[in-house]
Amino acid sequence: MPVQVAAPTTPTTRSTVAKAAIIADFRASMAELKCIGSERLVRQGISMTQLHVMHLLDHHGEMPMSRLAEMLDVSLSNGTGLIDRVEERDFVERIRIPSDRRMVMVRLTPAGRQMLDEIETIREQILRRVLDKLDTGQLTGVATAMADLRNAVEATFTGTGAHDHAHQAQGKD
């Protein structure tokens, strides 16, 4: 349910209030979706932290155990315990470097990749059920807003946006 706001008096105030309402609606929607997804993960015996580990390895590739613990903001001993539990499920594996036995690399296994794919399929099914509640006009509005949001995220964090991507695709830059 959208947040109701009183009519602000200036464009700046209206923009600030609109952003606050968007953030509140976004947080509420994402929290609900996260809870739904978490319930399914718990039934499969996967914690959110274990899922986070798998996503980090999927996104960044194999990495030293020390770097993974750093990215999770946990001590190396806590990270080791966490990896023990994920490794027991065969979702990750440790690799010792022959030239430096102290170095332990961690990587996603094919079973871990399959689990991430299954979780993504579940997320997609949930989102499709939500989108099925919208009419064509609403879907068009959401599609436009999501594209705009994605471009703004890219422009904010990578220095590129749709305009930049179009130039790169055409070989301009």
Protein backbone atom coordinates (compact mmCIF):
# COMPACT_ATOMS: atom_id res chain seq x y z
CA MET A 1 0.00 0.00 0.00
CA PRO A 2 1.56 3.35 -1.03
CA VAL A 3 2.49 5.85 1.64
CA GLN A 4 0.07 8.78 1.72
CA VAL A 5 1.70 12.21 1.91
CA ALA A 6 0.34 15.71 2.38
CA ALA A 7 0.77 18.19 -0.48
CA PRO A 8 4.13 19.95 0.03
CA THR A 9 4.51 23.62 -0.81
CA THR A 10 7.75 23.81 -2.82
CA PRO A 11 9.19 21.68 -5.62
CA THR A 12 12.17 20.75 -3.42
CA THR A 13 9.90 19.71 -0.56
CA ARG A 14 7.67 17.75 -2.95
CA SER A 15 10.73 15.96 -4.34
CA THR A 16 12.03 15.13 -0.86
CA VAL A 17 8.64 13.81 0.25
CA ALA A 18 8.23 11.81 -2.96
CA LYS A 19 11.68 10.23 -2.48
CA ALA A 20 10.84 9.36 1.13
CA ALA A 21 7.59 7.72 0.00
CA ILE A 22 9.36 5.76 -2.74
CA ILE A 23 12.02 4.56 -0.29
CA ALA A 24 9.37 3.51 2.25
CA ASP A 25 7.34 1.64 -0.39
CA PHE A 26 10.46 0.00 -1.82
CA ARG A 27 11.67 -1.12 1.62
CA ALA A 28 8.27 -2.51 2.56
CA SER A 29 7.96 -4.42 -0.73
CA MET A 30 11.49 -5.80 -0.58
CA ALA A 31 11.06 -6.80 3.08
CA GLU A 32 7.92 -8.75 2.23
CA LEU A 33 9.58 -10.47 -0.72
CA LYS A 34 12.66 -11.23 1.40
CA CYS A 35 10.49 -12.84 4.09
CA ILE A 36 8.72 -14.99 1.53
CA GLY A 37 12.04 -16.07 0.03
CA SER A 38 13.61 -16.64 3.45
CA GLU A 39 10.84 -19.01 4.47
CA ARG A 40 11.56 -21.17 1.44
CA LEU A 41 15.31 -21.11 2.11
CA VAL A 42 14.78 -22.17 5.72
CA ARG A 43 12.70 -25.12 4.51
CA GLN A 44 15.66 -26.08 2.32
CA GLY A 45 18.07 -25.66 5.25
CA ILE A 46 19.93 -22.65 3.86
CA SER A 47 20.55 -19.56 5.98
CA MET A 48 20.63 -16.05 4.58
CA THR A 49 24.32 -15.86 5.49
CA GLN A 50 25.07 -19.06 3.58
CA LEU A 51 23.17 -17.67 0.61
CA HIS A 52 25.17 -14.45 0.89
CA VAL A 53 28.42 -16.44 0.78
CA MET A 54 27.30 -18.22 -2.37
CA HIS A 55 26.26 -14.94 -4.01
CA LEU A 56 29.61 -13.34 -3.16
CA LEU A 57 31.49 -16.26 -4.69
CA ASP A 58 29.22 -16.26 -7.71
CA HIS A 59 29.73 -12.53 -8.25
CA HIS A 60 33.46 -12.26 -7.43
CA GLY A 61 34.68 -15.74 -8.28
CA GLU A 62 36.92 -17.84 -6.08
CA MET A 63 38.72 -15.91 -3.40
CA PRO A 64 40.99 -16.39 -0.41
CA MET A 65 39.23 -17.38 2.81
CA SER A 66 40.61 -14.24 4.47
CA ARG A 67 39.07 -11.97 1.80
CA LEU A 68 35.72 -13.73 2.08
CA ALA A 69 35.72 -13.27 5.88
CA GLU A 70 36.59 -9.60 5.34
CA MET A 71 33.72 -9.15 2.86
CA LEU A 72 31.33 -10.80 5.34
CA ASP A 73 32.73 -8.57 8.12
CA VAL A 74 33.46 -11.55 10.35
CA SER A 75 36.63 -12.89 11.94
CA LEU A 76 38.58 -15.51 10.04
CA SER A 77 37.57 -18.16 12.61
CA ASN A 78 33.87 -17.26 12.25
CA GLY A 79 34.22 -17.26 8.48
CA THR A 80 35.87 -20.68 8.63
CA GLY A 81 32.96 -22.05 10.66
CA LEU A 82 30.49 -20.60 8.19
CA ILE A 83 32.35 -22.09 5.24
CA ASP A 84 32.45 -25.44 7.08
CA ARG A 85 28.63 -25.48 7.13
CA VAL A 86 28.27 -24.43 3.48
CA GLU A 87 30.94 -26.91 2.41
CA GLU A 88 29.09 -29.73 4.26
CA ARG A 89 26.18 -29.06 1.90
CA ASP A 90 28.60 -29.26 -1.06
CA PHE A 91 27.78 -25.70 -2.16
CA VAL A 92 31.37 -24.45 -1.85
CA GLU A 93 34.79 -26.04 -1.75
CA ARG A 94 38.14 -25.09 -0.31
CA ILE A 95 41.25 -25.31 -2.45
CA ARG A 96 44.72 -25.33 -0.97
CA ILE A 97 47.43 -23.62 -2.98
CA PRO A 98 50.35 -26.08 -3.37
CA SER A 99 52.97 -23.32 -3.35
CA ASP A 100 51.55 -21.79 -0.12
CA ARG A 101 49.66 -24.27 2.07
CA ARG A 102 48.53 -21.38 4.32
CA MET A 103 46.50 -19.94 1.45
CA VAL A 104 42.99 -21.37 1.28
CA MET A 105 40.80 -20.41 -1.66
CA VAL A 106 37.03 -20.85 -1.58
CA ARG A 107 34.88 -21.33 -4.66
CA LEU A 108 31.32 -22.16 -5.58
CA THR A 109 30.72 -25.77 -6.62
CA PRO A 110 28.39 -26.92 -9.40
CA ALA A 111 25.89 -27.88 -6.65
CA GLY A 112 26.15 -24.33 -5.27
CA ARG A 113 25.61 -22.88 -8.75
CA GLN A 114 22.57 -25.14 -9.17
CA MET A 115 21.17 -24.00 -5.80
CA LEU A 116 21.58 -20.34 -6.79
CA ASP A 117 19.80 -21.08 -10.08
CA GLU A 118 16.95 -22.78 -8.22
CA ILE A 119 16.65 -19.87 -5.80
CA GLU A 120 16.60 -17.43 -8.72
CA THR A 121 13.81 -19.47 -10.33
CA ILE A 122 11.82 -19.29 -7.09
CA ARG A 123 12.37 -15.52 -6.88
CA GLU A 124 11.24 -15.14 -10.46
CA GLN A 125 8.09 -17.19 -9.81
CA ILE A 126 7.25 -15.05 -6.77
CA LEU A 127 7.80 -11.85 -8.73
CA ARG A 128 5.67 -13.12 -11.63
CA ARG A 129 2.81 -13.80 -9.19
CA VAL A 130 3.12 -10.24 -7.93
CA LEU A 131 3.29 -8.75 -11.43
CA ASP A 132 0.22 -10.79 -12.45
CA LYS A 133 -1.76 -8.54 -10.10
CA LEU A 134 -0.99 -5.48 -12.27
CA ASP A 135 -2.85 -4.41 -15.39
CA THR A 136 -1.10 -3.57 -18.67
CA GLY A 137 -0.83 0.15 -17.88
CA GLN A 138 0.65 -0.53 -14.47
CA LEU A 139 3.11 -3.01 -15.95
CA THR A 140 4.23 -0.42 -18.50
CA GLY A 141 4.74 2.11 -15.71
CA VAL A 142 6.72 -0.36 -13.60
CA ALA A 143 8.85 -1.36 -16.61
CA THR A 144 9.67 2.26 -17.35
CA ALA A 145 10.40 3.05 -13.71
CA MET A 146 12.64 -0.02 -13.33
CA ALA A 147 14.62 0.86 -16.46
CA ASP A 148 15.05 4.42 -15.17
CA LEU A 149 16.09 3.14 -11.75
CA ARG A 150 18.60 0.68 -13.24
CA ASN A 151 20.12 3.47 -15.35
CA ALA A 152 20.34 5.74 -12.31
CA VAL A 153 22.06 2.99 -10.29
CA GLU A 154 24.55 2.40 -13.10
CA ALA A 155 25.19 6.11 -13.49
CA THR A 156 25.65 6.53 -9.75
CA PHE A 157 27.93 3.58 -9.10
CA THR A 158 29.68 2.86 -12.38
CA GLY A 159 29.66 6.26 -14.02
CA THR A 160 27.61 4.97 -16.92
CA GLY A 161 23.96 5.09 -17.83
CA ALA A 162 21.76 4.21 -20.77
CA HIS A 163 23.23 7.03 -22.84
CA ASP A 164 26.78 5.82 -22.15
CA HIS A 165 25.84 2.21 -22.87
CA ALA A 166 24.31 3.21 -26.20
CA HIS A 167 27.54 4.96 -27.19
CA GLN A 168 29.62 1.96 -26.10
CA ALA A 169 27.39 -0.41 -28.07
CA GLN A 170 27.88 1.75 -31.17
CA GLY A 171 31.65 1.77 -30.65
CA LYS A 172 31.70 5.46 -29.66
CA ASP A 173 33.82 6.60 -26.71
